[in-house]
Amino acid sequence: MIELSVQTSSRIQSVNITGRVTEAARGKAGHLLHVYTPHTTCGLLINEEADPDVINDIIVALNKIAPADYPYKHIEGNSDAHIKSVLTGSSVLIPFTQGALQLGTWQGIFFMEFDGPRKRKVIITVI
């Protein structure tokens, strides 16, 4: 098990962690890489990293689906973050062969913060 720390600087933010995950897994033996975050108001996803407008569009769409100003019942005021976390998921599973992530040409791994800024954990397991 490998643990990474991710520091965010705003309430909603995407952080491309592809390079950090790749480096952390370097030299490890296995066939699958499981990347997981143990928090309820952030998520992980795989999507296009070549054009930053894609991830920005995803954030805009998530904000429309779960707006921060909706009258949720949860008293902490971060229900939108919990909903966005459910929609993105808390883990991704990636084929891992010959020590390399088998991501598509344009794919990257993104840590998605929905209730920051915060210091978060990402746990990587090579299977």
C-alpha atoms as a PDB file:
ATOM      1  CA  MET A   1       0.000   0.000   0.000  1.00  0.00           C
ATOM      2  CA  ILE A   2       1.229   3.461  -0.964  1.00  0.00           C
ATOM      3  CA  GLU A   3      -0.211   6.659   0.469  1.00  0.00           C
ATOM      4  CA  LEU A   4      -0.138  10.035  -1.262  1.00  0.00           C
ATOM      5  CA  SER A   5      -1.107  13.374   0.216  1.00  0.00           C
ATOM      6  CA  VAL A   6      -3.064  15.855  -1.900  1.00  0.00           C
ATOM      7  CA  GLN A   7      -3.389  19.474  -0.778  1.00  0.00           C
ATOM      8  CA  THR A   8      -6.122  21.533  -2.396  1.00  0.00           C
ATOM      9  CA  SER A   9      -6.424  25.306  -2.381  1.00  0.00           C
ATOM     10  CA  SER A  10     -10.093  25.950  -3.196  1.00  0.00           C
ATOM     11  CA  ARG A  11     -13.521  24.528  -2.377  1.00  0.00           C
ATOM     12  CA  ILE A  12     -13.924  22.806  -5.744  1.00  0.00           C
ATOM     13  CA  GLN A  13     -10.775  21.811  -7.552  1.00  0.00           C
ATOM     14  CA  SER A  14      -9.408  19.087  -9.804  1.00  0.00           C
ATOM     15  CA  VAL A  15      -5.846  17.879  -9.331  1.00  0.00           C
ATOM     16  CA  ASN A  16      -4.220  15.743 -12.008  1.00  0.00           C
ATOM     17  CA  ILE A  17      -2.433  13.023 -10.008  1.00  0.00           C
ATOM     18  CA  THR A  18      -1.446  10.797 -12.957  1.00  0.00           C
ATOM     19  CA  GLY A  19       2.277  11.529 -12.645  1.00  0.00           C
ATOM     20  CA  ARG A  20       2.309  11.017  -8.888  1.00  0.00           C
ATOM     21  CA  VAL A  21       0.424   7.717  -9.161  1.00  0.00           C
ATOM     22  CA  THR A  22       2.736   6.535 -11.951  1.00  0.00           C
ATOM     23  CA  GLU A  23       5.821   7.424  -9.908  1.00  0.00           C
ATOM     24  CA  ALA A  24       4.466   5.788  -6.748  1.00  0.00           C
ATOM     25  CA  ALA A  25       3.782   2.533  -8.615  1.00  0.00           C
ATOM     26  CA  ARG A  26       7.124   2.458 -10.427  1.00  0.00           C
ATOM     27  CA  GLY A  27       8.986  -0.782  -9.806  1.00  0.00           C
ATOM     28  CA  LYS A  28       6.018  -2.532  -8.209  1.00  0.00           C
ATOM     29  CA  ALA A  29       4.830  -5.917  -9.454  1.00  0.00           C
ATOM     30  CA  GLY A  30       1.179  -6.528 -10.183  1.00  0.00           C
ATOM     31  CA  HIS A  31      -1.569  -6.497 -12.798  1.00  0.00           C
ATOM     32  CA  LEU A  32      -4.029  -3.944 -11.403  1.00  0.00           C
ATOM     33  CA  LEU A  33      -3.646  -0.624  -9.679  1.00  0.00           C
ATOM     34  CA  HIS A  34      -6.395   0.418  -7.286  1.00  0.00           C
ATOM     35  CA  VAL A  35      -6.473   4.129  -6.413  1.00  0.00           C
ATOM     36  CA  TYR A  36      -8.791   5.088  -3.543  1.00  0.00           C
ATOM     37  CA  THR A  37      -9.568   8.119  -1.400  1.00  0.00           C
ATOM     38  CA  PRO A  38     -11.077   7.540   2.077  1.00  0.00           C
ATOM     39  CA  HIS A  39     -13.095  10.761   2.220  1.00  0.00           C
ATOM     40  CA  THR A  40     -16.803  11.483   1.681  1.00  0.00           C
ATOM     41  CA  THR A  41     -16.582  14.887  -0.005  1.00  0.00           C
ATOM     42  CA  CYS A  42     -14.039  14.264  -2.745  1.00  0.00           C
ATOM     43  CA  GLY A  43     -13.632  11.747  -5.524  1.00  0.00           C
ATOM     44  CA  LEU A  44     -11.458  10.216  -8.206  1.00  0.00           C
ATOM     45  CA  LEU A  45     -12.054   9.897 -11.910  1.00  0.00           C
ATOM     46  CA  ILE A  46     -10.319   9.055 -15.152  1.00  0.00           C
ATOM     47  CA  ASN A  47     -10.905  11.366 -18.078  1.00  0.00           C
ATOM     48  CA  GLU A  48      -9.174  13.476 -20.697  1.00  0.00           C
ATOM     49  CA  GLU A  49      -6.104  15.330 -19.515  1.00  0.00           C
ATOM     50  CA  ALA A  50      -5.015  16.852 -22.840  1.00  0.00           C
ATOM     51  CA  ASP A  51      -7.630  19.622 -22.834  1.00  0.00           C
ATOM     52  CA  PRO A  52      -8.293  21.263 -19.432  1.00  0.00           C
ATOM     53  CA  ASP A  53     -11.678  22.455 -20.706  1.00  0.00           C
ATOM     54  CA  VAL A  54     -12.968  18.886 -20.398  1.00  0.00           C
ATOM     55  CA  ILE A  55     -12.410  18.678 -16.636  1.00  0.00           C
ATOM     56  CA  ASN A  56     -13.720  22.240 -16.246  1.00  0.00           C
ATOM     57  CA  ASP A  57     -16.891  21.231 -18.131  1.00  0.00           C
ATOM     58  CA  ILE A  58     -17.271  18.238 -15.806  1.00  0.00           C
ATOM     59  CA  ILE A  59     -17.076  20.544 -12.788  1.00  0.00           C
ATOM     60  CA  VAL A  60     -19.660  22.918 -14.306  1.00  0.00           C
ATOM     61  CA  ALA A  61     -22.010  19.976 -14.965  1.00  0.00           C
ATOM     62  CA  LEU A  62     -21.563  18.611 -11.427  1.00  0.00           C
ATOM     63  CA  ASN A  63     -22.349  22.074 -10.031  1.00  0.00           C
ATOM     64  CA  LYS A  64     -25.585  22.120 -12.056  1.00  0.00           C
ATOM     65  CA  ILE A  65     -26.550  18.623 -10.878  1.00  0.00           C
ATOM     66  CA  ALA A  66     -25.756  19.373  -7.222  1.00  0.00           C
ATOM     67  CA  PRO A  67     -25.715  23.154  -6.644  1.00  0.00           C
ATOM     68  CA  ALA A  68     -24.174  24.455  -3.420  1.00  0.00           C
ATOM     69  CA  ASP A  69     -27.123  26.782  -2.754  1.00  0.00           C
ATOM     70  CA  TYR A  70     -29.866  24.134  -2.828  1.00  0.00           C
ATOM     71  CA  PRO A  71     -31.763  23.912   0.510  1.00  0.00           C
ATOM     72  CA  TYR A  72     -30.288  20.571   1.650  1.00  0.00           C
ATOM     73  CA  LYS A  73     -31.117  19.251   5.130  1.00  0.00           C
ATOM     74  CA  HIS A  74     -27.544  18.324   6.145  1.00  0.00           C
ATOM     75  CA  ILE A  75     -26.568  21.062   8.608  1.00  0.00           C
ATOM     76  CA  GLU A  76     -22.845  21.179   7.757  1.00  0.00           C
ATOM     77  CA  GLY A  77     -23.605  22.945   4.480  1.00  0.00           C
ATOM     78  CA  ASN A  78     -21.626  20.563   2.287  1.00  0.00           C
ATOM     79  CA  SER A  79     -24.322  18.222   0.945  1.00  0.00           C
ATOM     80  CA  ASP A  80     -23.442  19.229  -2.614  1.00  0.00           C
ATOM     81  CA  ALA A  81     -19.918  17.904  -1.977  1.00  0.00           C
ATOM     82  CA  HIS A  82     -21.278  14.560  -0.742  1.00  0.00           C
ATOM     83  CA  ILE A  83     -23.475  14.232  -3.840  1.00  0.00           C
ATOM     84  CA  LYS A  84     -20.609  15.110  -6.212  1.00  0.00           C
ATOM     85  CA  SER A  85     -18.444  12.543  -4.428  1.00  0.00           C
ATOM     86  CA  VAL A  86     -21.082   9.858  -5.020  1.00  0.00           C
ATOM     87  CA  LEU A  87     -21.278  10.803  -8.705  1.00  0.00           C
ATOM     88  CA  THR A  88     -17.507  10.669  -9.275  1.00  0.00           C
ATOM     89  CA  GLY A  89     -16.770   7.729  -6.990  1.00  0.00           C
ATOM     90  CA  SER A  90     -14.038   7.178  -4.454  1.00  0.00           C
ATOM     91  CA  SER A  91     -11.808   4.829  -6.466  1.00  0.00           C
ATOM     92  CA  VAL A  92     -10.542   3.846  -9.886  1.00  0.00           C
ATOM     93  CA  LEU A  93      -9.073   0.530 -11.046  1.00  0.00           C
ATOM     94  CA  ILE A  94      -6.437   0.590 -13.766  1.00  0.00           C
ATOM     95  CA  PRO A  95      -4.719  -2.256 -15.639  1.00  0.00           C
ATOM     96  CA  PHE A  96      -1.033  -2.286 -14.700  1.00  0.00           C
ATOM     97  CA  THR A  97       1.365  -4.317 -16.829  1.00  0.00           C
ATOM     98  CA  GLN A  98       5.142  -4.372 -16.991  1.00  0.00           C
ATOM     99  CA  GLY A  99       5.238  -1.612 -14.382  1.00  0.00           C
ATOM    100  CA  ALA A 100       3.141   0.823 -16.421  1.00  0.00           C
ATOM    101  CA  LEU A 101      -0.398   2.151 -16.118  1.00  0.00           C
ATOM    102  CA  GLN A 102      -2.482   1.133 -19.115  1.00  0.00           C
ATOM    103  CA  LEU A 103      -4.340   4.410 -19.543  1.00  0.00           C
ATOM    104  CA  GLY A 104      -5.648   5.541 -22.905  1.00  0.00           C
ATOM    105  CA  THR A 105      -3.719   8.107 -24.945  1.00  0.00           C
ATOM    106  CA  TRP A 106      -5.647  11.085 -23.577  1.00  0.00           C
ATOM    107  CA  GLN A 107      -6.551   9.731 -20.148  1.00  0.00           C
ATOM    108  CA  GLY A 108      -5.399  11.034 -16.784  1.00  0.00           C
ATOM    109  CA  ILE A 109      -6.313  10.364 -13.164  1.00  0.00           C
ATOM    110  CA  PHE A 110      -7.961  13.283 -11.396  1.00  0.00           C
ATOM    111  CA  PHE A 111      -8.462  13.877  -7.700  1.00  0.00           C
ATOM    112  CA  MET A 112     -11.673  15.886  -7.372  1.00  0.00           C
ATOM    113  CA  GLU A 113     -12.057  18.148  -4.336  1.00  0.00           C
ATOM    114  CA  PHE A 114     -15.588  19.289  -3.526  1.00  0.00           C
ATOM    115  CA  ASP A 115     -15.224  20.611   0.043  1.00  0.00           C
ATOM    116  CA  GLY A 116     -11.820  22.232   0.260  1.00  0.00           C
ATOM    117  CA  PRO A 117      -9.376  23.521   0.714  1.00  0.00           C
ATOM    118  CA  ARG A 118      -8.123  20.445   2.544  1.00  0.00           C
ATOM    119  CA  LYS A 119      -5.281  18.000   2.886  1.00  0.00           C
ATOM    120  CA  ARG A 120      -6.481  14.608   1.641  1.00  0.00           C
ATOM    121  CA  LYS A 121      -5.192  11.052   1.350  1.00  0.00           C
ATOM    122  CA  VAL A 122      -5.038   8.872  -1.726  1.00  0.00           C
ATOM    123  CA  ILE A 123      -4.230   5.200  -1.183  1.00  0.00           C
ATOM    124  CA  ILE A 124      -2.698   3.128  -3.972  1.00  0.00           C
ATOM    125  CA  THR A 125      -2.704  -0.649  -3.898  1.00  0.00           C
ATOM    126  CA  VAL A 126      -0.932  -2.787  -6.487  1.00  0.00           C
ATOM    127  CA  ILE A 127      -2.786  -6.054  -6.996  1.00  0.00           C
END
